[in-house]
Amino acid sequence: MAIANPLASFCWSGLPWFEILLVAVFPLTFPLSVVAQTPLPATTQASHSASQGLETPNSSSVGSSVVTIDPNQLVLNAIHYAVWSAQPIACKVHQKSLAYDQLVIVSGEYKASGAGTGQFRYTARVSSGETTLDTIQVSDGRLMHTQIGVDESPKRVIIDQVRQSLGNAIHYADERPEVSMYLAIGGHAELLRNLYHRYIWYAAKAGTIDGVDVWQLVGRLRNEPPKFAGNAPIDQSNVPAPPAGSNVPSEVRLTLGRSAVLPYFPYCVEYFKRVPDEDGKTMVAKAVSKLVYSEPTATTVSDKDFVYRVPENVVKIDTATALYLPTTPFPGQIAFPVSAR
């Protein structure tokens, strides 16, 4: 399977990181009760069988209204806001996923400076059974480092090189969605970037969850390119449909903030796979991962929050910048309309 992010090359306890983290760089869990729930298609309603602690979605749409805007555009808007938001933010992080019949829990914290600086810090502990692993991803806006456990070499992305590859177009991010896309490196910005490229978003509703105004979008694996298709290797690996029998979730539900306080904030991502029902004939949607940025709050930050300190046992740092560089020189045809979506 094509690599979706730098973590994909690592394995832990025999489980590929791509399958554990399910396409998202660092996803999170959703503890809120859903008042406005966008249902999956009627032919793929969630199975009522137990999923090792993962809840399947209900199909209630009480208090919600259909969104007329293209939901793919909402995801693009979310990418743009994740990169350029002027509000520093901090939140808790949690993820619960099923990978090869094993329950994987990710718990941590996330802090971002916003304002287009590219500064963020994410720390988490990954647990499966009796095995635990500490991870960190941190960016000072010039360099992003990813460290998984203590035995693997850290990976570094030189963000300055990506910025330089955009040339003067970086000053026109409001008019050119591909600019924000290429700067969505790490953190929840890259989560949204990956979701946009891998899934086609075909339904959306507006509603309220625990007093918070949200959009809830539903997507399925793409069978056609997105409207704006980035051609960095990290984007190219997400666009093709995965091979039959792969463990990539076939459907996804994304909850975005709809208020002026945290517009387009990705409160929740829920992943599903289609599996045969008990009768062996009907295909139903089984929840395989549930993720949230919980308790998001405005915060104060300083440059010291985003410093990466190389562990004493590290011998070398691998460079993964090429994953994020456009394969076609900017401002050429690196992202352009190719379909209705």
Protein backbone atom coordinates (compact mmCIF):
# COMPACT_ATOMS: atom_id res chain seq x y z
CA MET A 1 0.00 0.00 0.00
CA ALA A 2 1.17 3.51 -0.75
CA ILE A 3 2.63 5.41 2.21
CA ALA A 4 0.33 8.16 3.47
CA ASN A 5 2.64 9.82 5.96
CA PRO A 6 6.10 9.46 7.49
CA LEU A 7 4.76 7.20 10.22
CA ALA A 8 3.76 4.57 7.69
CA SER A 9 7.25 3.14 7.36
CA PHE A 10 7.35 2.10 11.03
CA CYS A 11 5.95 -1.09 12.52
CA TRP A 12 5.09 -1.76 16.15
CA SER A 13 4.12 -5.14 17.60
CA GLY A 14 3.61 -6.38 14.05
CA LEU A 15 1.03 -3.69 13.24
CA PRO A 16 1.78 -1.25 10.38
CA TRP A 17 1.53 2.34 11.60
CA PHE A 18 -0.65 3.21 8.63
CA GLU A 19 -3.29 0.76 9.83
CA ILE A 20 -3.03 1.79 13.50
CA LEU A 21 -3.44 5.49 12.80
CA LEU A 22 -5.86 4.98 9.91
CA VAL A 23 -4.63 7.50 7.40
CA ALA A 24 -4.69 10.40 9.86
CA VAL A 25 -1.38 11.65 11.11
CA PHE A 26 -2.48 12.06 14.73
CA PRO A 27 -6.20 11.44 15.18
CA LEU A 28 -8.30 11.85 18.34
CA THR A 29 -11.74 10.50 20.17
CA PHE A 30 -15.22 11.93 20.43
CA PRO A 31 -16.90 11.71 23.86
CA LEU A 32 -19.79 14.09 23.07
CA SER A 33 -23.37 12.96 22.64
CA VAL A 34 -24.52 13.44 19.06
CA VAL A 35 -27.72 15.40 18.59
CA ALA A 36 -27.36 16.00 14.86
CA GLN A 37 -25.97 12.85 13.29
CA THR A 38 -25.44 12.60 9.55
CA PRO A 39 -26.39 9.01 8.70
CA LEU A 40 -24.39 6.70 6.49
CA PRO A 41 -26.25 5.38 3.42
CA ALA A 42 -29.23 3.18 4.30
CA THR A 43 -27.52 0.13 2.81
CA THR A 44 -24.59 0.49 5.19
CA GLN A 45 -26.12 1.24 8.58
CA ALA A 46 -23.87 0.39 11.48
CA SER A 47 -23.77 -3.14 12.81
CA HIS A 48 -25.29 -3.67 16.26
CA SER A 49 -22.64 -6.20 17.19
CA ALA A 50 -19.96 -5.29 19.73
CA SER A 51 -16.77 -3.70 18.40
CA GLN A 52 -14.38 -4.06 21.33
CA GLY A 53 -15.48 -0.85 22.98
CA LEU A 54 -16.10 1.17 19.80
CA GLU A 55 -19.59 2.58 19.46
CA THR A 56 -21.37 2.36 16.13
CA PRO A 57 -23.26 5.48 14.96
CA ASN A 58 -26.98 6.02 15.21
CA SER A 59 -28.81 7.41 12.22
CA SER A 60 -30.81 10.11 13.97
CA SER A 61 -30.87 13.52 12.29
CA VAL A 62 -32.97 15.35 14.88
CA GLY A 63 -32.43 19.10 14.91
CA SER A 64 -30.27 19.10 11.81
CA SER A 65 -30.62 20.53 8.32
CA VAL A 66 -29.12 19.53 5.00
CA VAL A 67 -26.14 21.64 3.89
CA THR A 68 -26.36 22.91 0.32
CA ILE A 69 -22.67 23.82 -0.05
CA ASP A 70 -20.39 21.16 -1.55
CA PRO A 71 -18.97 19.30 1.48
CA ASN A 72 -15.64 18.93 -0.36
CA GLN A 73 -15.39 22.73 -0.23
CA LEU A 74 -16.00 22.63 3.52
CA VAL A 75 -13.01 20.31 3.92
CA LEU A 76 -10.89 22.68 1.79
CA ASN A 77 -12.03 25.56 4.02
CA ALA A 78 -11.01 23.55 7.07
CA ILE A 79 -7.52 22.98 5.65
CA HIS A 80 -7.15 26.70 5.00
CA TYR A 81 -8.29 27.61 8.51
CA ALA A 82 -6.04 25.00 10.12
CA VAL A 83 -3.01 26.61 8.43
CA TRP A 84 -3.87 30.30 8.78
CA SER A 85 -6.04 30.57 11.92
CA ALA A 86 -4.79 33.45 14.06
CA GLN A 87 -5.93 31.83 17.30
CA PRO A 88 -3.45 29.72 19.31
CA ILE A 89 -5.20 26.62 20.57
CA ALA A 90 -4.62 23.73 22.97
CA CYS A 91 -6.65 20.54 23.38
CA LYS A 92 -6.65 16.98 24.64
CA VAL A 93 -6.15 14.11 22.24
CA HIS A 94 -7.58 10.62 22.28
CA GLN A 95 -8.07 7.88 19.71
CA LYS A 96 -9.63 4.44 19.92
CA SER A 97 -9.08 2.13 16.94
CA LEU A 98 -9.34 -1.49 15.92
CA ALA A 99 -6.33 -2.82 14.03
CA TYR A 100 -6.12 -6.52 13.19
CA ASP A 101 -8.62 -7.31 15.98
CA GLN A 102 -6.52 -5.41 18.53
CA LEU A 103 -7.75 -2.33 20.36
CA VAL A 104 -5.30 0.58 20.08
CA ILE A 105 -5.63 3.62 22.35
CA VAL A 106 -3.89 6.94 21.73
CA SER A 107 -4.00 9.63 24.44
CA GLY A 108 -2.14 12.92 24.39
CA GLU A 109 -2.11 16.69 24.06
CA TYR A 110 -1.92 19.10 21.14
CA LYS A 111 -0.96 22.78 20.99
CA ALA A 112 -0.71 25.02 17.92
CA SER A 113 0.36 28.63 17.46
CA GLY A 114 -1.72 29.37 14.35
CA ALA A 115 -1.39 32.52 12.20
CA GLY A 116 0.37 30.60 9.44
CA THR A 117 3.46 29.98 11.57
CA GLY A 118 3.29 26.21 11.21
CA GLN A 119 4.19 25.87 14.90
CA PHE A 120 2.59 23.00 16.83
CA ARG A 121 3.42 20.30 19.34
CA TYR A 122 1.76 16.92 19.72
CA THR A 123 2.69 14.35 22.36
CA ALA A 124 0.90 11.06 22.97
CA ARG A 125 1.13 7.58 24.38
CA VAL A 126 -0.01 4.67 22.19
CA SER A 127 -1.20 1.55 24.01
CA SER A 128 -2.29 -1.89 22.85
CA GLY A 129 -2.63 -4.56 25.51
CA GLU A 130 0.46 -4.38 27.73
CA THR A 131 2.54 -2.57 25.11
CA THR A 132 2.95 1.22 25.19
CA LEU A 133 4.86 3.64 23.01
CA ASP A 134 5.47 7.38 23.44
CA THR A 135 5.36 9.60 20.36
CA ILE A 136 6.02 13.25 19.62
CA GLN A 137 5.59 15.46 16.58
CA VAL A 138 6.71 19.08 16.89
CA SER A 139 7.30 21.93 14.45
CA ASP A 140 8.91 25.31 15.08
CA GLY A 141 7.62 26.51 11.71
CA ARG A 142 10.92 25.79 9.94
CA LEU A 143 11.55 22.15 10.83
CA MET A 144 9.09 19.42 11.81
CA HIS A 145 10.34 16.39 13.75
CA THR A 146 8.50 13.12 14.33
CA GLN A 147 9.76 10.66 16.95
CA ILE A 148 8.05 7.30 17.53
CA GLY A 149 9.37 5.44 20.55
CA VAL A 150 13.01 5.45 21.59
CA ASP A 151 14.42 2.90 19.16
CA GLU A 152 13.52 4.50 15.82
CA SER A 153 15.37 7.37 14.17
CA PRO A 154 13.46 10.68 14.23
CA LYS A 155 12.18 11.99 10.91
CA ARG A 156 12.63 15.62 9.91
CA VAL A 157 10.76 17.73 7.35
CA ILE A 158 12.39 20.98 6.26
CA ILE A 159 9.30 23.17 6.00
CA ASP A 160 11.31 26.10 4.67
CA GLN A 161 11.99 24.10 1.49
CA VAL A 162 8.26 23.57 0.96
CA ARG A 163 7.57 27.27 1.48
CA GLN A 164 10.31 28.18 -0.99
CA SER A 165 8.84 25.82 -3.58
CA LEU A 166 5.59 27.86 -3.54
CA GLY A 167 7.34 31.09 -4.61
CA ASN A 168 5.21 34.24 -4.64
CA ALA A 169 2.02 32.17 -4.68
CA ILE A 170 2.31 31.86 -0.90
CA HIS A 171 0.99 35.43 -0.68
CA TYR A 172 -2.25 34.42 -2.46
CA ALA A 173 -3.48 31.64 -0.20
CA ASP A 174 -6.98 33.16 -0.04
CA GLU A 175 -7.39 32.76 -3.81
CA ARG A 176 -5.39 29.55 -4.32
CA PRO A 177 -6.52 26.61 -2.15
CA GLU A 178 -3.51 24.56 -3.20
CA VAL A 179 -1.21 26.93 -1.28
CA SER A 180 -2.83 26.07 2.05
CA MET A 181 -2.88 22.42 1.04
CA TYR A 182 0.90 22.30 0.57
CA LEU A 183 1.46 24.06 3.90
CA ALA A 184 -0.75 21.59 5.80
CA ILE A 185 2.26 19.74 7.21
CA GLY A 186 1.72 17.76 10.41
CA GLY A 187 -0.90 18.14 13.13
CA HIS A 188 -4.61 18.43 12.43
CA ALA A 189 -3.92 20.40 9.23
CA GLU A 190 -2.33 17.32 7.65
CA LEU A 191 -5.15 15.14 9.00
CA LEU A 192 -7.61 17.26 6.99
CA ARG A 193 -5.32 17.27 3.96
CA ASN A 194 -5.26 13.47 3.95
CA LEU A 195 -9.02 13.22 4.44
CA TYR A 196 -9.63 15.55 1.49
CA HIS A 197 -7.47 13.52 -0.87
CA ARG A 198 -8.51 10.02 0.19
CA TYR A 199 -12.30 10.47 0.49
CA ILE A 200 -14.95 12.05 -1.70
CA TRP A 201 -17.42 14.00 0.46
CA TYR A 202 -20.99 13.53 -0.75
CA ALA A 203 -23.34 14.54 2.11
CA ALA A 204 -23.45 17.10 4.91
CA LYS A 205 -25.82 18.38 7.58
CA ALA A 206 -25.69 21.34 9.93
CA GLY A 207 -26.66 20.79 13.56
CA THR A 208 -25.65 21.15 17.18
CA ILE A 209 -23.64 18.87 19.48
CA ASP A 210 -23.66 19.72 23.19
CA GLY A 211 -24.45 23.33 22.36
CA VAL A 212 -21.72 23.60 19.68
CA ASP A 213 -22.78 24.41 16.12
CA VAL A 214 -21.21 21.91 13.72
CA TRP A 215 -21.22 20.53 10.22
CA GLN A 216 -21.21 16.78 9.90
CA LEU A 217 -19.86 15.45 6.60
CA VAL A 218 -19.92 11.93 5.19
CA GLY A 219 -17.36 10.61 2.71
CA ARG A 220 -16.36 7.41 0.95
CA LEU A 221 -13.14 6.27 -0.69
CA ARG A 222 -12.47 8.19 -3.87
CA ASN A 223 -12.87 6.68 -7.31
CA GLU A 224 -12.03 9.97 -9.03
CA PRO A 225 -9.52 12.78 -8.38
CA PRO A 226 -10.52 15.68 -6.11
CA LYS A 227 -11.27 19.09 -7.58
CA PHE A 228 -7.92 20.42 -6.40
CA ALA A 229 -5.42 17.59 -6.43
CA GLY A 230 -2.04 18.22 -4.87
CA ASN A 231 0.79 16.24 -6.45
CA ALA A 232 3.27 16.01 -3.59
CA PRO A 233 4.03 12.32 -2.91
CA ILE A 234 1.96 12.45 0.30
CA ASP A 235 -1.06 13.53 -1.79
CA GLN A 236 -0.45 11.11 -4.64
CA SER A 237 -0.39 8.19 -2.21
CA ASN A 238 -3.84 9.13 -0.89
CA VAL A 239 -5.77 9.62 -4.15
CA PRO A 240 -5.69 6.10 -5.70
CA ALA A 241 -8.25 3.67 -4.31
CA PRO A 242 -6.57 1.11 -2.03
CA PRO A 243 -6.38 -2.48 -3.28
CA ALA A 244 -9.25 -4.86 -2.53
CA GLY A 245 -8.94 -6.48 0.88
CA SER A 246 -6.90 -3.66 2.39
CA ASN A 247 -7.64 -2.38 5.91
CA VAL A 248 -8.17 1.23 4.83
CA PRO A 249 -11.62 2.34 6.10
CA SER A 250 -14.13 2.66 3.26
CA GLU A 251 -16.26 5.42 4.80
CA VAL A 252 -15.72 8.34 7.13
CA ARG A 253 -17.77 10.90 9.05
CA LEU A 254 -16.16 14.25 9.88
CA THR A 255 -17.51 16.78 12.39
CA LEU A 256 -16.33 20.37 11.85
CA GLY A 257 -16.97 23.46 13.95
CA ARG A 258 -19.58 25.85 12.49
CA SER A 259 -19.28 28.68 15.01
CA ALA A 260 -17.27 31.89 14.87
CA VAL A 261 -15.27 30.74 17.90
CA LEU A 262 -13.66 27.69 16.28
CA PRO A 263 -14.71 27.65 12.63
CA TYR A 264 -13.89 24.41 10.80
CA PHE A 265 -12.24 22.87 13.85
CA PRO A 266 -12.18 19.05 13.37
CA TYR A 267 -13.92 17.93 16.54
CA CYS A 268 -14.35 14.33 15.42
CA VAL A 269 -13.39 11.82 12.74
CA GLU A 270 -15.14 8.42 12.66
CA TYR A 271 -13.97 5.68 10.31
CA PHE A 272 -16.00 2.68 9.10
CA LYS A 273 -15.49 -0.48 7.06
CA ARG A 274 -18.15 -2.36 5.14
CA VAL A 275 -18.52 -5.93 6.36
CA PRO A 276 -21.13 -8.67 5.84
CA ASP A 277 -24.00 -8.68 8.35
CA GLU A 278 -24.95 -11.79 10.33
CA ASP A 279 -26.96 -13.07 7.37
CA GLY A 280 -23.81 -12.92 5.23
CA LYS A 281 -25.62 -11.04 2.48
CA THR A 282 -26.21 -7.48 3.68
CA MET A 283 -23.21 -5.15 3.91
CA VAL A 284 -23.18 -2.97 7.01
CA ALA A 285 -20.86 -0.25 8.32
CA LYS A 286 -18.64 -1.33 11.21
CA ALA A 287 -16.91 1.36 13.29
CA VAL A 288 -13.14 0.84 13.30
CA SER A 289 -11.90 4.15 14.70
CA LYS A 290 -13.32 7.09 16.62
CA LEU A 291 -11.25 10.22 17.09
CA VAL A 292 -11.49 13.70 18.78
CA TYR A 293 -9.75 16.91 19.67
CA SER A 294 -11.52 17.40 23.01
CA GLU A 295 -11.71 20.44 25.27
CA PRO A 296 -10.25 22.89 22.73
CA THR A 297 -9.36 26.20 24.36
CA ALA A 298 -7.58 29.41 23.43
CA THR A 299 -4.11 29.51 24.92
CA THR A 300 -0.89 31.49 25.06
CA VAL A 301 2.22 30.13 23.39
CA SER A 302 5.90 30.94 23.11
CA ASP A 303 8.62 29.72 20.77
CA LYS A 304 9.93 27.51 23.59
CA ASP A 305 6.77 25.39 23.32
CA PHE A 306 7.80 24.21 19.86
CA VAL A 307 11.46 23.30 20.38
CA TYR A 308 12.49 19.72 19.56
CA ARG A 309 15.20 18.30 21.77
CA VAL A 310 17.06 15.42 20.18
CA PRO A 311 17.25 12.41 22.56
CA GLU A 312 20.76 11.51 23.68
CA ASN A 313 20.60 8.05 22.10
CA VAL A 314 19.77 9.37 18.61
CA VAL A 315 22.56 8.67 16.11
CA LYS A 316 20.94 10.18 13.01
CA ILE A 317 17.82 12.03 11.89
CA ASP A 318 16.18 10.89 8.64
CA THR A 319 14.87 13.52 6.23
CA ALA A 320 11.33 13.14 4.85
CA THR A 321 11.01 16.55 3.13
CA ALA A 322 10.56 14.98 -0.31
CA LEU A 323 7.14 13.64 0.76
CA TYR A 324 5.81 17.21 0.93
CA LEU A 325 7.52 18.88 -2.05
CA PRO A 326 5.46 19.42 -5.23
CA THR A 327 6.62 17.07 -7.98
CA THR A 328 5.76 19.75 -10.55
CA PRO A 329 7.43 23.16 -10.09
CA PHE A 330 5.09 25.72 -8.56
CA PRO A 331 3.22 27.74 -9.85
CA GLY A 332 2.71 25.20 -12.64
CA GLN A 333 -0.16 22.75 -12.76
CA ILE A 334 0.31 21.25 -9.34
CA ALA A 335 -3.27 21.63 -8.23
CA PHE A 336 -6.06 22.42 -10.61
CA PRO A 337 -9.77 21.70 -11.21
CA VAL A 338 -10.17 18.27 -12.76
CA SER A 339 -13.76 17.31 -11.93
CA ALA A 340 -17.00 18.51 -10.45
CA ARG A 341 -15.68 17.53 -7.03
